[in-house]
Amino acid sequence: MTRLLGALALGAYLLLLALSVLWEGWLAPAPYAPPGFWLTLKAGPLLFPLFGLLRGRPYTYVWTGLLLLPYFMEGVVLAYLRAGDGFSRTSVLSYAWLEIFLCLAFFGCGAFYARRRAAENNHRLSNSAR
């Protein structure tokens, strides 16, 4: 179960990284910004925890949840502001809802993964001390 939670959290994270690159790079880039500005600003910070997440470090899953809060807020604000636009390929509404879903999936799976890994490590430590 712990591996599944870790894999789901990592998958949500990688999909969020891919969504950020595609969203700001090709699908619906910001109209009044230099090319690559928002791409660098949005996708760049997502690269920092990648090494720890790929290694399965529970502490990295915890602080990555904090790192994703601005992405979640961006999705909520855009979903609220663009609610009347409708869903289309160039509308940011569909990307905002996908961003919200991926952030929530990471929050839930990552938190339970970190908790279960910590419990497993504590159990191993208590058994080895006997």
N, C-alpha and C. Protein backbone atom coordinates (compact mmCIF):
# COMPACT_ATOMS: atom_id res chain seq x y z
N MET A 1 0.82 -1.20 0.00
CA MET A 1 0.00 0.00 0.00
C MET A 1 0.87 1.27 0.00
N THR A 2 1.99 1.20 0.72
CA THR A 2 2.87 2.37 0.78
C THR A 2 3.46 2.67 -0.59
N ARG A 3 3.87 1.64 -1.30
CA ARG A 3 4.42 1.85 -2.64
C ARG A 3 3.39 2.45 -3.59
N LEU A 4 2.15 1.98 -3.47
CA LEU A 4 1.09 2.51 -4.32
C LEU A 4 0.86 3.99 -4.05
N LEU A 5 0.83 4.37 -2.77
CA LEU A 5 0.65 5.78 -2.42
C LEU A 5 1.80 6.63 -2.96
N GLY A 6 3.02 6.12 -2.83
CA GLY A 6 4.18 6.84 -3.34
C GLY A 6 4.13 6.97 -4.86
N ALA A 7 3.72 5.90 -5.52
CA ALA A 7 3.65 5.94 -6.98
C ALA A 7 2.56 6.89 -7.46
N LEU A 8 1.42 6.90 -6.77
CA LEU A 8 0.34 7.82 -7.15
C LEU A 8 0.75 9.27 -6.93
N ALA A 9 1.40 9.53 -5.80
CA ALA A 9 1.86 10.90 -5.53
C ALA A 9 2.91 11.33 -6.55
N LEU A 10 3.85 10.46 -6.85
CA LEU A 10 4.88 10.78 -7.83
C LEU A 10 4.27 10.99 -9.21
N GLY A 11 3.31 10.16 -9.57
CA GLY A 11 2.64 10.31 -10.86
C GLY A 11 1.90 11.64 -10.96
N ALA A 12 1.20 12.02 -9.89
CA ALA A 12 0.50 13.30 -9.89
C ALA A 12 1.50 14.45 -10.01
N TYR A 13 2.63 14.32 -9.34
CA TYR A 13 3.65 15.36 -9.39
C TYR A 13 4.24 15.49 -10.79
N LEU A 14 4.57 14.37 -11.40
CA LEU A 14 5.15 14.40 -12.74
C LEU A 14 4.15 14.92 -13.77
N LEU A 15 2.89 14.57 -13.60
CA LEU A 15 1.86 15.10 -14.49
C LEU A 15 1.68 16.60 -14.29
N LEU A 16 1.80 17.08 -13.06
CA LEU A 16 1.73 18.51 -12.80
C LEU A 16 2.91 19.24 -13.44
N LEU A 17 4.07 18.64 -13.38
CA LEU A 17 5.25 19.21 -14.04
C LEU A 17 5.03 19.28 -15.55
N ALA A 18 4.53 18.19 -16.13
CA ALA A 18 4.26 18.16 -17.57
C ALA A 18 3.17 19.16 -17.94
N LEU A 19 2.14 19.27 -17.10
CA LEU A 19 1.07 20.23 -17.36
C LEU A 19 1.61 21.65 -17.35
N SER A 20 2.47 21.97 -16.41
CA SER A 20 3.04 23.33 -16.35
C SER A 20 3.84 23.64 -17.60
N VAL A 21 4.64 22.69 -18.04
CA VAL A 21 5.46 22.91 -19.24
C VAL A 21 4.56 23.07 -20.48
N LEU A 22 3.60 22.18 -20.63
CA LEU A 22 2.73 22.25 -21.80
C LEU A 22 1.83 23.47 -21.77
N TRP A 23 1.28 23.78 -20.60
CA TRP A 23 0.36 24.90 -20.46
C TRP A 23 1.04 26.22 -20.84
N GLU A 24 2.17 26.48 -20.21
CA GLU A 24 2.84 27.75 -20.44
C GLU A 24 3.70 27.75 -21.70
N GLY A 25 4.03 26.57 -22.20
CA GLY A 25 4.86 26.51 -23.39
C GLY A 25 4.08 26.54 -24.68
N TRP A 26 2.98 25.76 -24.76
CA TRP A 26 2.30 25.60 -26.04
C TRP A 26 0.79 25.74 -25.97
N LEU A 27 0.14 25.16 -24.98
CA LEU A 27 -1.32 25.06 -25.01
C LEU A 27 -2.03 26.39 -24.81
N ALA A 28 -1.68 27.13 -23.79
CA ALA A 28 -2.33 28.42 -23.52
C ALA A 28 -1.35 29.35 -22.82
N PRO A 29 -0.30 29.77 -23.52
CA PRO A 29 0.69 30.63 -22.85
C PRO A 29 0.11 32.00 -22.52
N ALA A 30 0.71 32.67 -21.56
CA ALA A 30 0.28 34.01 -21.18
C ALA A 30 0.50 34.95 -22.35
N PRO A 31 -0.51 35.77 -22.69
CA PRO A 31 -0.42 36.58 -23.91
C PRO A 31 0.54 37.76 -23.83
N TYR A 32 0.75 38.33 -22.65
CA TYR A 32 1.55 39.55 -22.56
C TYR A 32 2.88 39.36 -21.86
N ALA A 33 3.40 38.18 -21.90
CA ALA A 33 4.68 37.90 -21.25
C ALA A 33 5.69 37.43 -22.30
N PRO A 34 6.96 37.67 -22.05
CA PRO A 34 7.97 37.15 -22.98
C PRO A 34 7.91 35.62 -23.04
N PRO A 35 8.20 35.05 -24.19
CA PRO A 35 8.15 33.58 -24.30
C PRO A 35 9.10 32.92 -23.30
N GLY A 36 8.60 31.97 -22.59
CA GLY A 36 9.43 31.24 -21.65
C GLY A 36 9.49 31.83 -20.26
N PHE A 37 8.97 33.04 -20.05
CA PHE A 37 9.04 33.65 -18.73
C PHE A 37 8.21 32.87 -17.72
N TRP A 38 6.91 32.70 -18.02
CA TRP A 38 6.04 31.97 -17.10
C TRP A 38 6.40 30.48 -17.07
N LEU A 39 6.90 29.98 -18.18
CA LEU A 39 7.33 28.59 -18.21
C LEU A 39 8.45 28.36 -17.21
N THR A 40 9.42 29.25 -17.20
CA THR A 40 10.53 29.14 -16.25
C THR A 40 10.06 29.37 -14.82
N LEU A 41 9.18 30.34 -14.65
CA LEU A 41 8.70 30.67 -13.30
C LEU A 41 7.83 29.56 -12.72
N LYS A 42 7.05 28.88 -13.56
CA LYS A 42 6.16 27.84 -13.05
C LYS A 42 6.81 26.47 -12.98
N ALA A 43 7.57 26.10 -14.00
CA ALA A 43 8.12 24.75 -14.04
C ALA A 43 9.46 24.65 -13.30
N GLY A 44 10.18 25.74 -13.20
CA GLY A 44 11.49 25.72 -12.54
C GLY A 44 11.46 25.23 -11.09
N PRO A 45 10.60 25.80 -10.24
CA PRO A 45 10.56 25.34 -8.85
C PRO A 45 10.15 23.88 -8.69
N LEU A 46 9.42 23.35 -9.66
CA LEU A 46 9.00 21.95 -9.57
C LEU A 46 10.16 20.98 -9.76
N LEU A 47 11.28 21.47 -10.24
CA LEU A 47 12.44 20.59 -10.44
C LEU A 47 13.24 20.37 -9.15
N PHE A 48 13.11 21.28 -8.18
CA PHE A 48 13.90 21.17 -6.94
C PHE A 48 13.65 19.86 -6.17
N PRO A 49 12.42 19.44 -5.93
CA PRO A 49 12.22 18.22 -5.14
C PRO A 49 12.27 16.93 -5.95
N LEU A 50 12.52 17.01 -7.23
CA LEU A 50 12.42 15.83 -8.09
C LEU A 50 13.36 14.71 -7.65
N PHE A 51 14.59 15.05 -7.28
CA PHE A 51 15.57 14.03 -6.87
C PHE A 51 15.08 13.26 -5.64
N GLY A 52 14.61 13.97 -4.63
CA GLY A 52 14.12 13.31 -3.41
C GLY A 52 12.86 12.51 -3.63
N LEU A 53 11.98 12.99 -4.51
CA LEU A 53 10.76 12.25 -4.80
C LEU A 53 11.06 10.96 -5.53
N LEU A 54 11.98 11.02 -6.47
CA LEU A 54 12.35 9.80 -7.20
C LEU A 54 13.03 8.79 -6.29
N ARG A 55 13.68 9.27 -5.24
CA ARG A 55 14.34 8.38 -4.27
C ARG A 55 13.37 7.88 -3.19
N GLY A 56 12.16 8.44 -3.15
CA GLY A 56 11.16 7.99 -2.19
C GLY A 56 11.37 8.50 -0.78
N ARG A 57 11.98 9.65 -0.62
CA ARG A 57 12.24 10.21 0.71
C ARG A 57 10.97 10.86 1.27
N PRO A 58 10.50 10.39 2.41
CA PRO A 58 9.24 10.90 2.96
C PRO A 58 9.26 12.39 3.27
N TYR A 59 10.37 12.89 3.78
CA TYR A 59 10.45 14.31 4.12
C TYR A 59 10.29 15.17 2.87
N THR A 60 10.80 14.72 1.75
CA THR A 60 10.65 15.47 0.50
C THR A 60 9.18 15.52 0.08
N TYR A 61 8.43 14.45 0.31
CA TYR A 61 7.01 14.45 -0.01
C TYR A 61 6.28 15.49 0.83
N VAL A 62 6.70 15.66 2.07
CA VAL A 62 6.04 16.63 2.95
C VAL A 62 6.29 18.05 2.48
N TRP A 63 7.54 18.42 2.26
CA TRP A 63 7.78 19.82 1.87
C TRP A 63 7.38 20.10 0.44
N THR A 64 7.28 19.08 -0.39
CA THR A 64 6.77 19.30 -1.74
C THR A 64 5.29 19.67 -1.69
N GLY A 65 4.58 19.10 -0.73
CA GLY A 65 3.18 19.50 -0.55
C GLY A 65 3.06 20.99 -0.26
N LEU A 66 3.99 21.53 0.51
CA LEU A 66 4.00 22.98 0.77
C LEU A 66 4.38 23.77 -0.48
N LEU A 67 5.29 23.21 -1.27
CA LEU A 67 5.70 23.86 -2.51
C LEU A 67 4.55 23.95 -3.51
N LEU A 68 3.64 22.99 -3.47
CA LEU A 68 2.54 22.96 -4.43
C LEU A 68 1.37 23.86 -4.06
N LEU A 69 1.39 24.46 -2.89
CA LEU A 69 0.28 25.33 -2.50
C LEU A 69 0.04 26.49 -3.46
N PRO A 70 1.08 27.19 -3.94
CA PRO A 70 0.81 28.25 -4.93
C PRO A 70 0.20 27.73 -6.24
N TYR A 71 0.56 26.52 -6.64
CA TYR A 71 -0.02 25.94 -7.84
C TYR A 71 -1.51 25.64 -7.62
N PHE A 72 -1.83 25.14 -6.44
CA PHE A 72 -3.23 24.89 -6.09
C PHE A 72 -4.01 26.20 -6.08
N MET A 73 -3.43 27.23 -5.47
CA MET A 73 -4.11 28.53 -5.41
C MET A 73 -4.30 29.12 -6.80
N GLU A 74 -3.30 28.97 -7.66
CA GLU A 74 -3.44 29.46 -9.03
C GLU A 74 -4.59 28.76 -9.73
N GLY A 75 -4.69 27.45 -9.56
CA GLY A 75 -5.77 26.71 -10.19
C GLY A 75 -7.13 27.14 -9.69
N VAL A 76 -7.26 27.35 -8.38
CA VAL A 76 -8.54 27.77 -7.81
C VAL A 76 -8.92 29.16 -8.31
N VAL A 77 -7.98 30.08 -8.31
CA VAL A 77 -8.27 31.45 -8.76
C VAL A 77 -8.65 31.45 -10.24
N LEU A 78 -7.89 30.75 -11.07
CA LEU A 78 -8.21 30.72 -12.49
C LEU A 78 -9.54 30.01 -12.77
N ALA A 79 -9.83 28.95 -12.02
CA ALA A 79 -11.11 28.26 -12.20
C ALA A 79 -12.27 29.17 -11.82
N TYR A 80 -12.08 29.98 -10.80
CA TYR A 80 -13.13 30.91 -10.39
C TYR A 80 -13.30 32.04 -11.40
N LEU A 81 -12.17 32.62 -11.83
CA LEU A 81 -12.24 33.76 -12.74
C LEU A 81 -12.70 33.38 -14.14
N ARG A 82 -12.37 32.19 -14.59
CA ARG A 82 -12.69 31.76 -15.95
C ARG A 82 -13.85 30.79 -16.00
N ALA A 83 -14.70 30.79 -14.99
CA ALA A 83 -15.80 29.82 -14.93
C ALA A 83 -16.75 29.95 -16.11
N GLY A 84 -16.90 31.13 -16.67
CA GLY A 84 -17.82 31.32 -17.79
C GLY A 84 -17.22 31.04 -19.15
N ASP A 85 -15.94 30.78 -19.22
CA ASP A 85 -15.28 30.58 -20.51
C ASP A 85 -15.65 29.27 -21.19
N GLY A 86 -15.96 28.25 -20.41
CA GLY A 86 -16.22 26.94 -20.97
C GLY A 86 -14.93 26.17 -21.20
N PHE A 87 -15.08 24.89 -21.47
CA PHE A 87 -13.92 24.03 -21.64
C PHE A 87 -13.56 23.94 -23.12
N SER A 88 -12.31 24.27 -23.42
CA SER A 88 -11.79 24.10 -24.78
C SER A 88 -10.28 23.94 -24.69
N ARG A 89 -9.67 23.67 -25.82
CA ARG A 89 -8.24 23.43 -25.82
C ARG A 89 -7.45 24.69 -25.45
N THR A 90 -7.92 25.84 -25.86
CA THR A 90 -7.19 27.07 -25.57
C THR A 90 -7.67 27.78 -24.30
N SER A 91 -8.73 27.28 -23.69
CA SER A 91 -9.23 27.88 -22.46
C SER A 91 -8.41 27.39 -21.28
N VAL A 92 -8.11 28.30 -20.36
CA VAL A 92 -7.33 27.90 -19.19
C VAL A 92 -8.18 27.20 -18.15
N LEU A 93 -9.50 27.20 -18.33
CA LEU A 93 -10.38 26.59 -17.33
C LEU A 93 -10.10 25.09 -17.17
N SER A 94 -9.96 24.38 -18.26
CA SER A 94 -9.70 22.94 -18.17
C SER A 94 -8.34 22.67 -17.54
N TYR A 95 -7.35 23.49 -17.86
CA TYR A 95 -6.02 23.31 -17.28
C TYR A 95 -6.02 23.67 -15.80
N ALA A 96 -6.82 24.66 -15.41
CA ALA A 96 -6.92 25.03 -14.00
C ALA A 96 -7.52 23.90 -13.19
N TRP A 97 -8.59 23.29 -13.69
CA TRP A 97 -9.21 22.18 -12.96
C TRP A 97 -8.27 20.97 -12.89
N LEU A 98 -7.53 20.73 -13.95
CA LEU A 98 -6.56 19.64 -13.93
C LEU A 98 -5.45 19.93 -12.92
N GLU A 99 -5.02 21.17 -12.84
CA GLU A 99 -4.00 21.56 -11.87
C GLU A 99 -4.51 21.37 -10.44
N ILE A 100 -5.76 21.74 -10.19
CA ILE A 100 -6.36 21.55 -8.87
C ILE A 100 -6.39 20.06 -8.53
N PHE A 101 -6.86 19.24 -9.46
CA PHE A 101 -6.96 17.81 -9.21
C PHE A 101 -5.59 17.18 -8.92
N LEU A 102 -4.59 17.54 -9.72
CA LEU A 102 -3.25 16.95 -9.52
C LEU A 102 -2.64 17.40 -8.18
N CYS A 103 -2.86 18.64 -7.81
CA CYS A 103 -2.35 19.11 -6.52
C CYS A 103 -3.03 18.36 -5.38
N LEU A 104 -4.34 18.22 -5.44
CA LEU A 104 -5.05 17.49 -4.38
C LEU A 104 -4.64 16.02 -4.34
N ALA A 105 -4.43 15.42 -5.50
CA ALA A 105 -3.98 14.03 -5.53
C ALA A 105 -2.61 13.90 -4.88
N PHE A 106 -1.71 14.85 -5.16
CA PHE A 106 -0.40 14.79 -4.52
C PHE A 106 -0.50 15.04 -3.03
N PHE A 107 -1.30 16.01 -2.61
CA PHE A 107 -1.44 16.30 -1.18
C PHE A 107 -1.89 15.06 -0.42
N GLY A 108 -2.95 14.43 -0.92
CA GLY A 108 -3.49 13.27 -0.23
C GLY A 108 -2.54 12.08 -0.24
N CYS A 109 -2.10 11.68 -1.41
CA CYS A 109 -1.23 10.51 -1.52
C CYS A 109 0.13 10.76 -0.88
N GLY A 110 0.69 11.95 -1.07
CA GLY A 110 2.00 12.25 -0.50
C GLY A 110 1.98 12.29 1.01
N ALA A 111 0.92 12.84 1.60
CA ALA A 111 0.83 12.90 3.06
C ALA A 111 0.71 11.50 3.65
N PHE A 112 -0.15 10.68 3.07
CA PHE A 112 -0.31 9.32 3.60
C PHE A 112 0.93 8.47 3.34
N TYR A 113 1.60 8.72 2.21
CA TYR A 113 2.85 8.00 1.94
C TYR A 113 3.90 8.34 2.99
N ALA A 114 4.09 9.62 3.26
CA ALA A 114 5.08 10.03 4.25
C ALA A 114 4.74 9.49 5.63
N ARG A 115 3.47 9.49 5.98
CA ARG A 115 3.06 8.98 7.29
C ARG A 115 3.31 7.48 7.40
N ARG A 116 2.95 6.74 6.37
CA ARG A 116 3.16 5.29 6.41
C ARG A 116 4.64 4.92 6.41
N ARG A 117 5.44 5.65 5.61
CA ARG A 117 6.89 5.38 5.60
C ARG A 117 7.51 5.68 6.96
N ALA A 118 7.09 6.76 7.59
CA ALA A 118 7.60 7.08 8.92
C ALA A 118 7.21 6.00 9.93
N ALA A 119 5.99 5.51 9.83
CA ALA A 119 5.55 4.44 10.74
C ALA A 119 6.34 3.16 10.48
N GLU A 120 6.60 2.85 9.22
CA GLU A 120 7.39 1.66 8.91
C GLU A 120 8.82 1.79 9.44
N ASN A 121 9.40 2.97 9.28
CA ASN A 121 10.76 3.18 9.79
C ASN A 121 10.81 3.10 11.30
N ASN A 122 9.82 3.65 11.98
CA ASN A 122 9.78 3.56 13.45
C ASN A 122 9.58 2.13 13.90
N HIS A 123 8.78 1.38 13.18
CA HIS A 123 8.57 -0.03 13.51
C HIS A 123 9.85 -0.83 13.34
N ARG A 124 10.58 -0.56 12.27
CA ARG A 124 11.85 -1.25 12.05
C ARG A 124 12.86 -0.92 13.14
N LEU A 125 12.90 0.36 13.52
CA LEU A 125 13.85 0.79 14.56
C LEU A 125 13.51 0.17 15.90
N SER A 126 12.22 0.08 16.24
CA SER A 126 11.85 -0.48 17.54
C SER A 126 12.10 -1.97 17.56
N ASN A 127 11.94 -2.66 16.43
CA ASN A 127 12.22 -4.10 16.39
C ASN A 127 13.71 -4.39 16.42
N SER A 128 14.53 -3.54 15.86
CA SER A 128 15.98 -3.78 15.85
C SER A 128 16.61 -3.47 17.19
N ALA A 129 15.94 -2.68 18.03
CA ALA A 129 16.49 -2.33 19.35
C ALA A 129 16.27 -3.47 20.35
N ARG A 130 15.41 -4.39 20.04
CA ARG A 130 15.14 -5.50 20.97
C ARG A 130 16.20 -6.54 20.97
